C-alpha atoms as a PDB file:
ATOM      1  CA  MET A   1      -0.093   0.030   0.016  1.00  0.00           C
ATOM      2  CA  ASN A   2       1.345   3.355  -0.944  1.00  0.00           C
ATOM      3  CA  GLN A   3      -0.096   5.790   1.556  1.00  0.00           C
ATOM      4  CA  VAL A   4       1.344   8.874   3.303  1.00  0.00           C
ATOM      5  CA  ILE A   5      -0.281  10.936   6.133  1.00  0.00           C
ATOM      6  CA  LEU A   6       1.342  14.063   7.152  1.00  0.00           C
ATOM      7  CA  VAL A   7       0.047  16.543   9.852  1.00  0.00           C
ATOM      8  CA  GLY A   8       1.821  19.828  10.164  1.00  0.00           C
ATOM      9  CA  ARG A   9       1.599  23.635   9.396  1.00  0.00           C
ATOM     10  CA  VAL A  10       1.771  25.316   6.137  1.00  0.00           C
ATOM     11  CA  ALA A  11       5.175  26.713   5.797  1.00  0.00           C
ATOM     12  CA  ARG A  12       4.615  29.395   3.220  1.00  0.00           C
ATOM     13  CA  GLU A  13       1.682  30.894   1.321  1.00  0.00           C
ATOM     14  CA  VAL A  14       0.247  28.644  -1.338  1.00  0.00           C
ATOM     15  CA  GLN A  15      -0.809  29.742  -4.765  1.00  0.00           C
ATOM     16  CA  LEU A  16      -3.327  28.027  -7.013  1.00  0.00           C
ATOM     17  CA  ARG A  17      -2.105  27.457 -10.591  1.00  0.00           C
ATOM     18  CA  LYS A  18      -3.569  25.884 -13.702  1.00  0.00           C
ATOM     19  CA  THR A  19      -1.960  23.712 -16.355  1.00  0.00           C
ATOM     20  CA  SER A  20      -2.245  24.700 -19.940  1.00  0.00           C
ATOM     21  CA  ASN A  21      -5.252  22.462 -20.102  1.00  0.00           C
ATOM     22  CA  GLY A  22      -6.941  24.272 -17.176  1.00  0.00           C
ATOM     23  CA  LYS A  23      -6.394  21.534 -14.590  1.00  0.00           C
ATOM     24  CA  PRO A  24      -5.823  23.165 -11.156  1.00  0.00           C
ATOM     25  CA  TYR A  25      -2.784  22.336  -9.066  1.00  0.00           C
ATOM     26  CA  LEU A  26      -0.758  23.714  -6.145  1.00  0.00           C
ATOM     27  CA  PHE A  27       2.484  23.217  -4.428  1.00  0.00           C
ATOM     28  CA  LEU A  28       2.703  23.609  -0.583  1.00  0.00           C
ATOM     29  CA  THR A  29       5.410  22.888   1.928  1.00  0.00           C
ATOM     30  CA  ILE A  30       4.375  21.316   5.248  1.00  0.00           C
ATOM     31  CA  ALA A  31       6.490  21.945   8.370  1.00  0.00           C
ATOM     32  CA  VAL A  32       6.195  18.534  10.203  1.00  0.00           C
ATOM     33  CA  SER A  33       7.716  17.939  13.653  1.00  0.00           C
ATOM     34  CA  GLY A  34      10.026  15.059  12.970  1.00  0.00           C
ATOM     35  CA  TYR A  35      12.129  13.349  15.515  1.00  0.00           C
ATOM     36  CA  TRP A  36      14.346  14.042  18.595  1.00  0.00           C
ATOM     37  CA  ASP A  37      17.946  14.646  17.552  1.00  0.00           C
ATOM     38  CA  ARG A  38      19.816  13.189  20.665  1.00  0.00           C
ATOM     39  CA  ARG A  39      23.082  14.661  19.631  1.00  0.00           C
ATOM     40  CA  GLU A  40      21.838  18.321  19.082  1.00  0.00           C
ATOM     41  CA  LYS A  41      19.230  17.964  21.955  1.00  0.00           C
ATOM     42  CA  LYS A  42      16.334  19.312  19.945  1.00  0.00           C
ATOM     43  CA  GLU A  43      13.357  18.276  17.870  1.00  0.00           C
ATOM     44  CA  VAL A  44      13.931  18.417  14.144  1.00  0.00           C
ATOM     45  CA  THR A  45      11.284  19.679  11.766  1.00  0.00           C
ATOM     46  CA  ASP A  46      11.209  18.501   8.345  1.00  0.00           C
ATOM     47  CA  PHE A  47       9.927  20.635   5.508  1.00  0.00           C
ATOM     48  CA  ILE A  48       7.994  18.419   2.954  1.00  0.00           C
ATOM     49  CA  PRO A  49       6.920  19.659  -0.246  1.00  0.00           C
ATOM     50  CA  VAL A  50       3.495  18.342  -1.561  1.00  0.00           C
ATOM     51  CA  THR A  51       1.629  18.605  -4.780  1.00  0.00           C
ATOM     52  CA  VAL A  52      -2.128  18.724  -4.842  1.00  0.00           C
ATOM     53  CA  TRP A  53      -4.316  18.522  -7.927  1.00  0.00           C
ATOM     54  CA  GLY A  54      -7.970  19.103  -8.992  1.00  0.00           C
ATOM     55  CA  LYS A  55     -10.734  19.945  -6.619  1.00  0.00           C
ATOM     56  CA  GLU A  56      -8.508  19.366  -3.546  1.00  0.00           C
ATOM     57  CA  ALA A  57      -6.071  21.839  -4.929  1.00  0.00           C
ATOM     58  CA  GLU A  58      -8.998  24.367  -5.106  1.00  0.00           C
ATOM     59  CA  LYS A  59      -9.931  23.569  -1.506  1.00  0.00           C
ATOM     60  CA  ALA A  60      -6.341  23.875  -0.421  1.00  0.00           C
ATOM     61  CA  SER A  61      -5.861  27.198  -2.145  1.00  0.00           C
ATOM     62  CA  HIS A  62      -7.603  28.662   0.962  1.00  0.00           C
ATOM     63  CA  LEU A  63      -4.726  27.593   3.239  1.00  0.00           C
ATOM     64  CA  VAL A  64      -2.493  30.325   4.565  1.00  0.00           C
ATOM     65  CA  LYS A  65       0.903  30.224   6.409  1.00  0.00           C
ATOM     66  CA  GLY A  66       0.640  28.630   9.787  1.00  0.00           C
ATOM     67  CA  SER A  67      -2.596  26.539   9.124  1.00  0.00           C
ATOM     68  CA  LEU A  68      -2.628  23.156  10.557  1.00  0.00           C
ATOM     69  CA  VAL A  69      -3.469  20.552   8.021  1.00  0.00           C
ATOM     70  CA  ARG A  70      -3.475  16.768   7.474  1.00  0.00           C
ATOM     71  CA  ILE A  71      -2.419  15.727   4.163  1.00  0.00           C
ATOM     72  CA  THR A  72      -3.242  12.046   2.973  1.00  0.00           C
ATOM     73  CA  GLY A  73      -1.552  10.974  -0.259  1.00  0.00           C
ATOM     74  CA  ARG A  74       1.010   8.855  -1.906  1.00  0.00           C
ATOM     75  CA  VAL A  75       4.651   8.664  -2.782  1.00  0.00           C
ATOM     76  CA  SER A  76       5.341   9.152  -6.500  1.00  0.00           C
ATOM     77  CA  VAL A  77       8.829   8.256  -7.932  1.00  0.00           C
ATOM     78  CA  GLY A  78       9.906   9.575 -11.309  1.00  0.00           C
ATOM     79  CA  ARG A  79      12.992   9.594 -13.352  1.00  0.00           C
ATOM     80  CA  PHE A  80      14.535  11.909 -16.019  1.00  0.00           C
ATOM     81  CA  THR A  81      17.825  12.433 -17.763  1.00  0.00           C
ATOM     82  CA  ASP A  82      19.713  15.517 -16.852  1.00  0.00           C
ATOM     83  CA  LYS A  83      21.603  17.701 -19.209  1.00  0.00           C
ATOM     84  CA  ASN A  84      24.876  15.513 -18.730  1.00  0.00           C
ATOM     85  CA  GLY A  85      23.003  12.400 -19.796  1.00  0.00           C
ATOM     86  CA  GLU A  86      22.854  11.008 -16.135  1.00  0.00           C
ATOM     87  CA  GLN A  87      19.603   9.391 -15.006  1.00  0.00           C
ATOM     88  CA  ARG A  88      18.134  11.228 -11.896  1.00  0.00           C
ATOM     89  CA  TYR A  89      15.311  10.135  -9.730  1.00  0.00           C
ATOM     90  CA  THR A  90      12.663  12.262  -7.973  1.00  0.00           C
ATOM     91  CA  VAL A  91      10.489  11.438  -5.012  1.00  0.00           C
ATOM     92  CA  ASP A  92       7.279  13.495  -4.663  1.00  0.00           C
ATOM     93  CA  ILE A  93       4.342  13.538  -2.358  1.00  0.00           C
ATOM     94  CA  ILE A  94       1.092  13.756  -4.076  1.00  0.00           C
ATOM     95  CA  GLY A  95      -1.732  15.100  -1.699  1.00  0.00           C
ATOM     96  CA  GLU A  96      -4.912  13.392  -2.504  1.00  0.00           C
ATOM     97  CA  GLU A  97      -6.973  14.617   0.505  1.00  0.00           C
ATOM     98  CA  VAL A  98      -6.545  17.875   2.416  1.00  0.00           C
ATOM     99  CA  ASP A  99      -8.117  18.412   5.966  1.00  0.00           C
ATOM    100  CA  PHE A 100      -8.203  21.690   7.608  1.00  0.00           C
ATOM    101  CA  LEU A 101      -7.309  20.990  11.325  1.00  0.00           C
ATOM    102  CA  SER A 102      -7.078  24.559  12.655  1.00  0.00           C
ATOM    103  CA  LYS A 103      -6.591  28.174  11.823  1.00  0.00           C
ATOM    104  CA  PRO A 104      -3.191  29.768  11.733  1.00  0.00           C
ATOM    105  CA  ARG A 105      -1.493  30.557  15.125  1.00  0.00           C
ATOM    106  CA  SER A 106      -1.799  34.220  15.893  1.00  0.00           C
ATOM    107  CA  ALA A 107       1.452  36.014  16.664  1.00  0.00           C
ATOM    108  CA  VAL A 108       0.548  36.084  20.408  1.00  0.00           C
ATOM    109  CA  GLU A 109       0.124  32.422  20.574  1.00  0.00           C
ATOM    110  CA  ALA A 110       3.460  31.808  18.684  1.00  0.00           C
ATOM    111  CA  LYS A 111       5.422  33.512  21.483  1.00  0.00           C
END
C-alpha cells in the first residue's frame, strides 16, 4: 500500500495554478515535527513539499501560512535524464486529501 499521512503547518503561502489544459494544482510545503535529535538535543522539523491536484487543490488554495493541516496522499517516484545524460530520480508527495485542522496561530500564540 502506498499511503502517506502528514500532519503539520503550512510553511509558506500557497498559490493555485492551472496547467495549460486548465487543470488546477498547487504546491505547498508542510512543516512536520520530525524526531528528537539526541546529539543536538532538539526536535527536528522536516519541511515536506506536496503537490495537490484538482478539486483538492482548489480547496487547499484557502490555506494560509501557519494553518494546521492533515495531508493524505501517496509517494510518486519519477526519473529523468539531466543535461549531462545522467539518470536522476525524484520522490514526490502527491496530496490526495487535504483536511483543515485549525486556523493559523496568531502572533500572540506563537510567543
